Amino acid sequence: MSPATAKRNSVTPIFAALGDETRLRLVARLSAGDQMSIRRLTEGTAVTRQAVTRHLEVLEEAGLVRGIRRGRERLWKIEPRRIDLARRSLAEISRWWDKKLAALKAGIEE
């Protein structure tokens, strides 16, 4: 396996987890900075606590969030290093496309 393939595979679970609209919204809410309970994460939504719990488990498996037990409740927080890894991966893909498009433009203009 090439280093590029290995790197892509390491971010695959991140992008798979973020591919769901509900999980993406949860990440956005948690990115505000505060740790949140499931009760707070479900406030103002039609999503059940059970559904949010399952979505948070998927995000946790991808390394995007972490649950911290406080008494009887579990508080959730974002894992910024994994978010940063996704951001860097997208930036790398963007640079690759910029190079390909520049080469295409140069070829057309010749």
Protein backbone atom coordinates (compact mmCIF):
# COMPACT_ATOMS: atom_id res chain seq x y z
CA MET A 1 0.00 0.00 0.00
CA SER A 2 1.41 3.40 -0.97
CA PRO A 3 1.79 6.16 1.63
CA ALA A 4 -0.89 8.18 -0.17
CA THR A 5 -3.31 5.24 -0.01
CA ALA A 6 -2.55 4.69 3.68
CA LYS A 7 -3.16 8.37 4.40
CA ARG A 8 -6.47 8.33 2.50
CA ASN A 9 -7.55 5.22 4.39
CA SER A 10 -6.86 6.92 7.72
CA VAL A 11 -9.33 9.71 6.90
CA THR A 12 -11.94 7.44 5.32
CA PRO A 13 -13.81 6.84 8.63
CA ILE A 14 -13.87 10.59 9.24
CA PHE A 15 -15.51 11.39 5.92
CA ALA A 16 -17.85 8.41 6.20
CA ALA A 17 -19.03 9.68 9.60
CA LEU A 18 -19.41 13.24 8.34
CA GLY A 19 -21.43 12.06 5.35
CA ASP A 20 -24.59 11.97 7.45
CA GLU A 21 -26.46 15.28 7.86
CA THR A 22 -27.36 14.66 11.51
CA ARG A 23 -23.78 13.79 12.43
CA LEU A 24 -22.50 16.83 10.55
CA ARG A 25 -24.90 19.02 12.55
CA LEU A 26 -23.73 17.43 15.81
CA VAL A 27 -20.11 18.14 14.91
CA ALA A 28 -21.03 21.74 14.08
CA ARG A 29 -22.77 22.18 17.44
CA LEU A 30 -19.90 20.63 19.35
CA SER A 31 -17.39 22.76 17.43
CA ALA A 32 -18.78 25.80 19.22
CA GLY A 33 -16.45 24.78 22.04
CA ASP A 34 -18.65 23.67 24.92
CA GLN A 35 -19.00 20.10 26.08
CA MET A 36 -22.61 19.07 25.70
CA SER A 37 -24.88 16.41 27.11
CA ILE A 38 -27.23 14.43 24.91
CA ARG A 39 -30.09 16.44 26.42
CA ARG A 40 -28.50 19.69 25.21
CA LEU A 41 -27.67 18.20 21.83
CA THR A 42 -31.29 17.17 21.25
CA GLU A 43 -32.85 20.47 22.41
CA GLY A 44 -34.78 22.14 19.61
CA THR A 45 -34.54 19.14 17.28
CA ALA A 46 -36.87 16.33 16.31
CA VAL A 47 -34.07 13.78 16.76
CA THR A 48 -34.51 11.37 19.68
CA ARG A 49 -31.91 10.94 22.39
CA GLN A 50 -31.41 7.34 21.26
CA ALA A 51 -30.71 8.46 17.70
CA VAL A 52 -28.28 11.15 18.87
CA THR A 53 -26.54 8.58 21.07
CA ARG A 54 -26.05 6.27 18.08
CA HIS A 55 -24.77 9.13 15.90
CA LEU A 56 -22.33 10.16 18.64
CA GLU A 57 -21.07 6.58 18.85
CA VAL A 58 -20.35 6.61 15.11
CA LEU A 59 -18.53 9.93 15.47
CA GLU A 60 -16.58 8.54 18.42
CA GLU A 61 -15.55 5.46 16.42
CA ALA A 62 -14.18 7.82 13.75
CA GLY A 63 -12.29 9.73 16.45
CA LEU A 64 -14.21 12.96 15.88
CA VAL A 65 -15.78 13.26 19.33
CA ARG A 66 -15.12 11.94 22.81
CA GLY A 67 -17.56 11.22 25.59
CA ILE A 68 -16.59 12.09 29.15
CA ARG A 69 -18.55 10.61 32.03
CA ARG A 70 -19.64 13.18 34.64
CA GLY A 71 -21.76 11.59 37.30
CA ARG A 72 -24.79 10.03 35.64
CA GLU A 73 -24.45 11.90 32.37
CA ARG A 74 -21.98 11.79 29.57
CA LEU A 75 -20.65 15.03 28.11
CA TRP A 76 -19.45 15.10 24.53
CA LYS A 77 -16.67 17.19 23.07
CA ILE A 78 -15.03 17.56 19.69
CA GLU A 79 -11.60 16.06 18.95
CA PRO A 80 -9.89 18.93 17.11
CA ARG A 81 -6.93 16.86 15.86
CA ARG A 82 -9.20 14.61 13.79
CA ILE A 83 -11.10 17.61 12.44
CA ASP A 84 -7.76 19.17 11.52
CA LEU A 85 -6.71 15.95 9.76
CA ALA A 86 -9.88 16.11 7.65
CA ARG A 87 -9.23 19.78 6.87
CA ARG A 88 -5.64 19.07 5.80
CA SER A 89 -6.79 16.17 3.63
CA LEU A 90 -9.35 18.37 1.88
CA ALA A 91 -6.69 21.05 1.36
CA GLU A 92 -4.40 18.44 -0.21
CA ILE A 93 -7.18 17.28 -2.54
CA SER A 94 -7.90 20.91 -3.45
CA ARG A 95 -4.23 21.53 -4.32
CA TRP A 96 -4.21 18.38 -6.47
CA TRP A 97 -7.28 19.56 -8.39
CA ASP A 98 -5.81 23.05 -8.80
CA LYS A 99 -2.69 21.49 -10.42
CA LYS A 100 -4.79 19.28 -12.70
CA LEU A 101 -7.02 22.16 -13.77
CA ALA A 102 -3.98 24.40 -14.40
CA ALA A 103 -2.44 21.67 -16.57
CA LEU A 104 -5.72 21.26 -18.48
CA LYS A 105 -5.95 25.02 -19.03
CA ALA A 106 -2.34 25.16 -20.24
CA GLY A 107 -2.98 22.28 -22.63
CA ILE A 108 -6.09 23.95 -24.04
CA GLU A 109 -4.35 27.30 -24.49
CA GLU A 110 -1.44 25.77 -26.45
